[in-house]
Amino acid sequence: MSQAVLKKKLNAQNEYLKALKLFPMETLSLSIKPSLLSLNYSIKDCLEYLTPIVEIAHLRIKRYVLIWKAVDN
């Protein structure tokens, strides 16, 4: 494996780990559960709050997985 490919692979791995750190599921669930479980919020309110967070996390992780696969080949 060439030095350039190895460097790209390590960069992709670092970016993937950064994306996971931005959206750690246990922290996310702990931080939103108390407020979302309040009776003042409807399911629709919860989904409106969570959907953009999940979409951003999914797109970012998907991007880094694609980079990782491209570099790995």
PDB file of N, CA and C in Angstrom:
ATOM      1  N   MET A   1       0.859  -1.178   0.000  1.00  0.00           N
ATOM      2  CA  MET A   1       0.000   0.000   0.000  1.00  0.00           C
ATOM      3  C   MET A   1       0.904   1.239   0.000  1.00  0.00           C
ATOM      4  N   SER A   2       0.633   2.149  -0.917  1.00  0.00           N
ATOM      5  CA  SER A   2       1.470   3.344  -1.019  1.00  0.00           C
ATOM      6  C   SER A   2       1.231   4.278   0.161  1.00  0.00           C
ATOM      7  N   GLN A   3       2.166   5.160   0.369  1.00  0.00           N
ATOM      8  CA  GLN A   3       2.079   6.133   1.472  1.00  0.00           C
ATOM      9  C   GLN A   3       0.863   7.048   1.307  1.00  0.00           C
ATOM     10  N   ALA A   4       0.566   7.457   0.069  1.00  0.00           N
ATOM     11  CA  ALA A   4      -0.577   8.348  -0.185  1.00  0.00           C
ATOM     12  C   ALA A   4      -1.900   7.648   0.136  1.00  0.00           C
ATOM     13  N   VAL A   5      -2.025   6.394  -0.261  1.00  0.00           N
ATOM     14  CA  VAL A   5      -3.249   5.638   0.010  1.00  0.00           C
ATOM     15  C   VAL A   5      -3.413   5.425   1.509  1.00  0.00           C
ATOM     16  N   LEU A   6      -2.323   5.104   2.176  1.00  0.00           N
ATOM     17  CA  LEU A   6      -2.369   4.918   3.625  1.00  0.00           C
ATOM     18  C   LEU A   6      -2.786   6.205   4.327  1.00  0.00           C
ATOM     19  N   LYS A   7      -2.258   7.326   3.857  1.00  0.00           N
ATOM     20  CA  LYS A   7      -2.613   8.621   4.452  1.00  0.00           C
ATOM     21  C   LYS A   7      -4.101   8.927   4.240  1.00  0.00           C
ATOM     22  N   LYS A   8      -4.618   8.672   3.022  1.00  0.00           N
ATOM     23  CA  LYS A   8      -6.042   8.893   2.746  1.00  0.00           C
ATOM     24  C   LYS A   8      -6.908   7.997   3.619  1.00  0.00           C
ATOM     25  N   LYS A   9      -6.482   6.771   3.789  1.00  0.00           N
ATOM     26  CA  LYS A   9      -7.236   5.821   4.605  1.00  0.00           C
ATOM     27  C   LYS A   9      -7.287   6.290   6.061  1.00  0.00           C
ATOM     28  N   LEU A  10      -6.162   6.736   6.579  1.00  0.00           N
ATOM     29  CA  LEU A  10      -6.118   7.236   7.956  1.00  0.00           C
ATOM     30  C   LEU A  10      -6.948   8.501   8.116  1.00  0.00           C
ATOM     31  N   ASN A  11      -6.905   9.386   7.124  1.00  0.00           N
ATOM     32  CA  ASN A  11      -7.723  10.603   7.171  1.00  0.00           C
ATOM     33  C   ASN A  11      -9.210  10.262   7.154  1.00  0.00           C
ATOM     34  N   ALA A  12      -9.599   9.308   6.313  1.00  0.00           N
ATOM     35  CA  ALA A  12     -11.001   8.895   6.255  1.00  0.00           C
ATOM     36  C   ALA A  12     -11.432   8.292   7.587  1.00  0.00           C
ATOM     37  N   GLN A  13     -10.559   7.497   8.174  1.00  0.00           N
ATOM     38  CA  GLN A  13     -10.874   6.893   9.466  1.00  0.00           C
ATOM     39  C   GLN A  13     -11.025   7.970  10.540  1.00  0.00           C
ATOM     40  N   ASN A  14     -10.131   8.955  10.543  1.00  0.00           N
ATOM     41  CA  ASN A  14     -10.220  10.049  11.518  1.00  0.00           C
ATOM     42  C   ASN A  14     -11.496  10.855  11.340  1.00  0.00           C
ATOM     43  N   GLU A  15     -11.874  11.129  10.109  1.00  0.00           N
ATOM     44  CA  GLU A  15     -13.102  11.880   9.850  1.00  0.00           C
ATOM     45  C   GLU A  15     -14.333  11.088  10.279  1.00  0.00           C
ATOM     46  N   TYR A  16     -14.302   9.789  10.041  1.00  0.00           N
ATOM     47  CA  TYR A  16     -15.405   8.924  10.471  1.00  0.00           C
ATOM     48  C   TYR A  16     -15.542   8.960  11.995  1.00  0.00           C
ATOM     49  N   LEU A  17     -14.420   8.872  12.686  1.00  0.00           N
ATOM     50  CA  LEU A  17     -14.449   8.915  14.149  1.00  0.00           C
ATOM     51  C   LEU A  17     -14.920  10.274  14.656  1.00  0.00           C
ATOM     52  N   LYS A  18     -14.539  11.346  13.960  1.00  0.00           N
ATOM     53  CA  LYS A  18     -15.021  12.681  14.337  1.00  0.00           C
ATOM     54  C   LYS A  18     -16.537  12.759  14.193  1.00  0.00           C
ATOM     55  N   ALA A  19     -17.063  12.181  13.102  1.00  0.00           N
ATOM     56  CA  ALA A  19     -18.512  12.189  12.887  1.00  0.00           C
ATOM     57  C   ALA A  19     -19.222  11.425  13.999  1.00  0.00           C
ATOM     58  N   LEU A  20     -18.651  10.312  14.404  1.00  0.00           N
ATOM     59  CA  LEU A  20     -19.255   9.546  15.492  1.00  0.00           C
ATOM     60  C   LEU A  20     -19.215  10.319  16.805  1.00  0.00           C
ATOM     61  N   LYS A  21     -18.127  11.068  17.014  1.00  0.00           N
ATOM     62  CA  LYS A  21     -18.025  11.861  18.245  1.00  0.00           C
ATOM     63  C   LYS A  21     -19.036  12.998  18.257  1.00  0.00           C
ATOM     64  N   LEU A  22     -19.348  13.541  17.090  1.00  0.00           N
ATOM     65  CA  LEU A  22     -20.338  14.617  17.022  1.00  0.00           C
ATOM     66  C   LEU A  22     -21.726  14.118  17.380  1.00  0.00           C
ATOM     67  N   PHE A  23     -21.997  12.869  17.071  1.00  0.00           N
ATOM     68  CA  PHE A  23     -23.327  12.315  17.303  1.00  0.00           C
ATOM     69  C   PHE A  23     -23.251  10.992  18.057  1.00  0.00           C
ATOM     70  N   PRO A  24     -22.667  10.994  19.262  1.00  0.00           N
ATOM     71  CA  PRO A  24     -22.637   9.733  20.011  1.00  0.00           C
ATOM     72  C   PRO A  24     -24.044   9.375  20.468  1.00  0.00           C
ATOM     73  N   MET A  25     -24.481   8.195  20.142  1.00  0.00           N
ATOM     74  CA  MET A  25     -25.868   7.828  20.394  1.00  0.00           C
ATOM     75  C   MET A  25     -26.218   7.815  21.875  1.00  0.00           C
ATOM     76  N   GLU A  26     -25.300   7.322  22.735  1.00  0.00           N
ATOM     77  CA  GLU A  26     -25.653   7.286  24.149  1.00  0.00           C
ATOM     78  C   GLU A  26     -25.767   8.691  24.725  1.00  0.00           C
ATOM     79  N   THR A  27     -24.891   9.602  24.320  1.00  0.00           N
ATOM     80  CA  THR A  27     -24.971  10.986  24.793  1.00  0.00           C
ATOM     81  C   THR A  27     -26.211  11.658  24.239  1.00  0.00           C
ATOM     82  N   LEU A  28     -26.474  11.431  22.962  1.00  0.00           N
ATOM     83  CA  LEU A  28     -27.645  12.022  22.325  1.00  0.00           C
ATOM     84  C   LEU A  28     -28.918  11.563  23.017  1.00  0.00           C
ATOM     85  N   SER A  29     -29.031  10.265  23.256  1.00  0.00           N
ATOM     86  CA  SER A  29     -30.255   9.761  23.878  1.00  0.00           C
ATOM     87  C   SER A  29     -30.394  10.254  25.309  1.00  0.00           C
ATOM     88  N   LEU A  30     -29.289  10.336  26.038  1.00  0.00           N
ATOM     89  CA  LEU A  30     -29.359  10.827  27.418  1.00  0.00           C
ATOM     90  C   LEU A  30     -29.726  12.296  27.471  1.00  0.00           C
ATOM     91  N   SER A  31     -29.233  13.063  26.508  1.00  0.00           N
ATOM     92  CA  SER A  31     -29.488  14.504  26.548  1.00  0.00           C
ATOM     93  C   SER A  31     -30.902  14.865  26.104  1.00  0.00           C
ATOM     94  N   ILE A  32     -31.501  14.051  25.250  1.00  0.00           N
ATOM     95  CA  ILE A  32     -32.829  14.424  24.758  1.00  0.00           C
ATOM     96  C   ILE A  32     -33.964  13.704  25.469  1.00  0.00           C
ATOM     97  N   LYS A  33     -33.689  12.577  26.097  1.00  0.00           N
ATOM     98  CA  LYS A  33     -34.767  11.808  26.724  1.00  0.00           C
ATOM     99  C   LYS A  33     -35.574  12.609  27.734  1.00  0.00           C
ATOM    100  N   PRO A  34     -34.938  13.268  28.693  1.00  0.00           N
ATOM    101  CA  PRO A  34     -35.760  13.959  29.698  1.00  0.00           C
ATOM    102  C   PRO A  34     -36.726  14.971  29.098  1.00  0.00           C
ATOM    103  N   SER A  35     -36.256  15.752  28.136  1.00  0.00           N
ATOM    104  CA  SER A  35     -37.143  16.764  27.565  1.00  0.00           C
ATOM    105  C   SER A  35     -38.178  16.148  26.630  1.00  0.00           C
ATOM    106  N   LEU A  36     -37.793  15.133  25.877  1.00  0.00           N
ATOM    107  CA  LEU A  36     -38.729  14.538  24.926  1.00  0.00           C
ATOM    108  C   LEU A  36     -39.772  13.659  25.604  1.00  0.00           C
ATOM    109  N   LEU A  37     -39.440  13.139  26.759  1.00  0.00           N
ATOM    110  CA  LEU A  37     -40.409  12.300  27.461  1.00  0.00           C
ATOM    111  C   LEU A  37     -41.416  13.123  28.257  1.00  0.00           C
ATOM    112  N   SER A  38     -41.194  14.407  28.295  1.00  0.00           N
ATOM    113  CA  SER A  38     -42.133  15.290  28.979  1.00  0.00           C
ATOM    114  C   SER A  38     -43.486  15.223  28.278  1.00  0.00           C
ATOM    115  N   LEU A  39     -44.533  15.324  29.045  1.00  0.00           N
ATOM    116  CA  LEU A  39     -45.880  15.248  28.465  1.00  0.00           C
ATOM    117  C   LEU A  39     -46.221  16.469  27.618  1.00  0.00           C
ATOM    118  N   ASN A  40     -45.375  17.483  27.680  1.00  0.00           N
ATOM    119  CA  ASN A  40     -45.625  18.700  26.909  1.00  0.00           C
ATOM    120  C   ASN A  40     -45.280  18.536  25.427  1.00  0.00           C
ATOM    121  N   TYR A  41     -44.601  17.453  25.066  1.00  0.00           N
ATOM    122  CA  TYR A  41     -44.173  17.248  23.688  1.00  0.00           C
ATOM    123  C   TYR A  41     -44.968  16.124  23.034  1.00  0.00           C
ATOM    124  N   SER A  42     -45.382  16.363  21.814  1.00  0.00           N
ATOM    125  CA  SER A  42     -46.069  15.316  21.058  1.00  0.00           C
ATOM    126  C   SER A  42     -45.039  14.496  20.287  1.00  0.00           C
ATOM    127  N   ILE A  43     -45.475  13.383  19.742  1.00  0.00           N
ATOM    128  CA  ILE A  43     -44.595  12.562  18.906  1.00  0.00           C
ATOM    129  C   ILE A  43     -44.104  13.383  17.719  1.00  0.00           C
ATOM    130  N   LYS A  44     -44.973  14.196  17.151  1.00  0.00           N
ATOM    131  CA  LYS A  44     -44.597  15.028  16.005  1.00  0.00           C
ATOM    132  C   LYS A  44     -43.470  15.985  16.390  1.00  0.00           C
ATOM    133  N   ASP A  45     -43.567  16.607  17.570  1.00  0.00           N
ATOM    134  CA  ASP A  45     -42.511  17.507  18.038  1.00  0.00           C
ATOM    135  C   ASP A  45     -41.189  16.759  18.186  1.00  0.00           C
ATOM    136  N   CYS A  46     -41.262  15.557  18.737  1.00  0.00           N
ATOM    137  CA  CYS A  46     -40.056  14.751  18.916  1.00  0.00           C
ATOM    138  C   CYS A  46     -39.411  14.429  17.574  1.00  0.00           C
ATOM    139  N   LEU A  47     -40.235  14.027  16.609  1.00  0.00           N
ATOM    140  CA  LEU A  47     -39.708  13.683  15.289  1.00  0.00           C
ATOM    141  C   LEU A  47     -39.126  14.901  14.583  1.00  0.00           C
ATOM    142  N   GLU A  48     -39.771  16.048  14.733  1.00  0.00           N
ATOM    143  CA  GLU A  48     -39.247  17.272  14.123  1.00  0.00           C
ATOM    144  C   GLU A  48     -37.891  17.636  14.716  1.00  0.00           C
ATOM    145  N   TYR A  49     -37.699  17.354  15.977  1.00  0.00           N
ATOM    146  CA  TYR A  49     -36.424  17.642  16.638  1.00  0.00           C
ATOM    147  C   TYR A  49     -35.347  16.637  16.234  1.00  0.00           C
ATOM    148  N   LEU A  50     -35.713  15.365  16.198  1.00  0.00           N
ATOM    149  CA  LEU A  50     -34.733  14.308  15.958  1.00  0.00           C
ATOM    150  C   LEU A  50     -34.366  14.110  14.495  1.00  0.00           C
ATOM    151  N   THR A  51     -35.300  14.313  13.590  1.00  0.00           N
ATOM    152  CA  THR A  51     -35.057  14.013  12.178  1.00  0.00           C
ATOM    153  C   THR A  51     -33.829  14.723  11.608  1.00  0.00           C
ATOM    154  N   PRO A  52     -33.671  16.035  11.784  1.00  0.00           N
ATOM    155  CA  PRO A  52     -32.475  16.681  11.224  1.00  0.00           C
ATOM    156  C   PRO A  52     -31.175  16.160  11.840  1.00  0.00           C
ATOM    157  N   ILE A  53     -31.187  15.849  13.117  1.00  0.00           N
ATOM    158  CA  ILE A  53     -29.984  15.330  13.779  1.00  0.00           C
ATOM    159  C   ILE A  53     -29.599  13.982  13.183  1.00  0.00           C
ATOM    160  N   VAL A  54     -30.576  13.117  13.030  1.00  0.00           N
ATOM    161  CA  VAL A  54     -30.315  11.786  12.485  1.00  0.00           C
ATOM    162  C   VAL A  54     -29.894  11.876  11.021  1.00  0.00           C
ATOM    163  N   GLU A  55     -30.537  12.756  10.256  1.00  0.00           N
ATOM    164  CA  GLU A  55     -30.182  12.906   8.837  1.00  0.00           C
ATOM    165  C   GLU A  55     -28.748  13.402   8.675  1.00  0.00           C
ATOM    166  N   ILE A  56     -28.360  14.379   9.462  1.00  0.00           N
ATOM    167  CA  ILE A  56     -26.994  14.904   9.380  1.00  0.00           C
ATOM    168  C   ILE A  56     -25.993  13.821   9.756  1.00  0.00           C
ATOM    169  N   ALA A  57     -26.258  13.123  10.836  1.00  0.00           N
ATOM    170  CA  ALA A  57     -25.354  12.055  11.268  1.00  0.00           C
ATOM    171  C   ALA A  57     -25.251  10.969  10.203  1.00  0.00           C
ATOM    172  N   HIS A  58     -26.386  10.578   9.640  1.00  0.00           N
ATOM    173  CA  HIS A  58     -26.400   9.529   8.619  1.00  0.00           C
ATOM    174  C   HIS A  58     -25.607   9.953   7.385  1.00  0.00           C
ATOM    175  N   LEU A  59     -25.843  11.157   6.897  1.00  0.00           N
ATOM    176  CA  LEU A  59     -25.142  11.624   5.701  1.00  0.00           C
ATOM    177  C   LEU A  59     -23.642  11.732   5.930  1.00  0.00           C
ATOM    178  N   ARG A  60     -23.275  12.225   7.100  1.00  0.00           N
ATOM    179  CA  ARG A  60     -21.857  12.394   7.382  1.00  0.00           C
ATOM    180  C   ARG A  60     -21.152  11.044   7.494  1.00  0.00           C
ATOM    181  N   ILE A  61     -21.751  10.125   8.200  1.00  0.00           N
ATOM    182  CA  ILE A  61     -21.145   8.802   8.346  1.00  0.00           C
ATOM    183  C   ILE A  61     -21.131   8.077   7.003  1.00  0.00           C
ATOM    184  N   LYS A  62     -22.204   8.206   6.236  1.00  0.00           N
ATOM    185  CA  LYS A  62     -22.268   7.574   4.911  1.00  0.00           C
ATOM    186  C   LYS A  62     -21.143   8.103   4.017  1.00  0.00           C
ATOM    187  N   ARG A  63     -20.902   9.398   4.087  1.00  0.00           N
ATOM    188  CA  ARG A  63     -19.839  10.013   3.281  1.00  0.00           C
ATOM    189  C   ARG A  63     -18.481   9.411   3.624  1.00  0.00           C
ATOM    190  N   TYR A  64     -18.206   9.272   4.917  1.00  0.00           N
ATOM    191  CA  TYR A  64     -16.909   8.748   5.322  1.00  0.00           C
ATOM    192  C   TYR A  64     -16.774   7.261   5.040  1.00  0.00           C
ATOM    193  N   VAL A  65     -17.870   6.529   5.087  1.00  0.00           N
ATOM    194  CA  VAL A  65     -17.823   5.113   4.721  1.00  0.00           C
ATOM    195  C   VAL A  65     -17.506   4.986   3.235  1.00  0.00           C
ATOM    196  N   LEU A  66     -18.112   5.843   2.405  1.00  0.00           N
ATOM    197  CA  LEU A  66     -17.819   5.816   0.965  1.00  0.00           C
ATOM    198  C   LEU A  66     -16.357   6.162   0.697  1.00  0.00           C
ATOM    199  N   ILE A  67     -15.845   7.157   1.408  1.00  0.00           N
ATOM    200  CA  ILE A  67     -14.428   7.523   1.255  1.00  0.00           C
ATOM    201  C   ILE A  67     -13.559   6.338   1.653  1.00  0.00           C
ATOM    202  N   TRP A  68     -13.899   5.728   2.782  1.00  0.00           N
ATOM    203  CA  TRP A  68     -13.122   4.596   3.280  1.00  0.00           C
ATOM    204  C   TRP A  68     -13.107   3.458   2.254  1.00  0.00           C
ATOM    205  N   LYS A  69     -14.267   3.148   1.685  1.00  0.00           N
ATOM    206  CA  LYS A  69     -14.352   2.065   0.698  1.00  0.00           C
ATOM    207  C   LYS A  69     -13.560   2.403  -0.558  1.00  0.00           C
ATOM    208  N   ALA A  70     -13.626   3.665  -0.987  1.00  0.00           N
ATOM    209  CA  ALA A  70     -12.906   4.076  -2.197  1.00  0.00           C
ATOM    210  C   ALA A  70     -11.401   3.964  -1.993  1.00  0.00           C
ATOM    211  N   VAL A  71     -10.953   4.362  -0.829  1.00  0.00           N
ATOM    212  CA  VAL A  71      -9.518   4.315  -0.542  1.00  0.00           C
ATOM    213  C   VAL A  71      -9.066   2.879  -0.343  1.00  0.00           C
ATOM    214  N   ASP A  72      -9.937   2.062   0.219  1.00  0.00           N
ATOM    215  CA  ASP A  72      -9.592   0.674   0.522  1.00  0.00           C
ATOM    216  C   ASP A  72      -9.444  -0.173  -0.737  1.00  0.00           C
ATOM    217  N   ASN A  73     -10.082   0.239  -1.830  1.00  0.00           N
ATOM    218  CA  ASN A  73     -10.009  -0.544  -3.079  1.00  0.00           C
ATOM    219  C   ASN A  73      -8.791  -0.267  -3.857  1.00  0.00           C
TER     220      ASN A  73
END
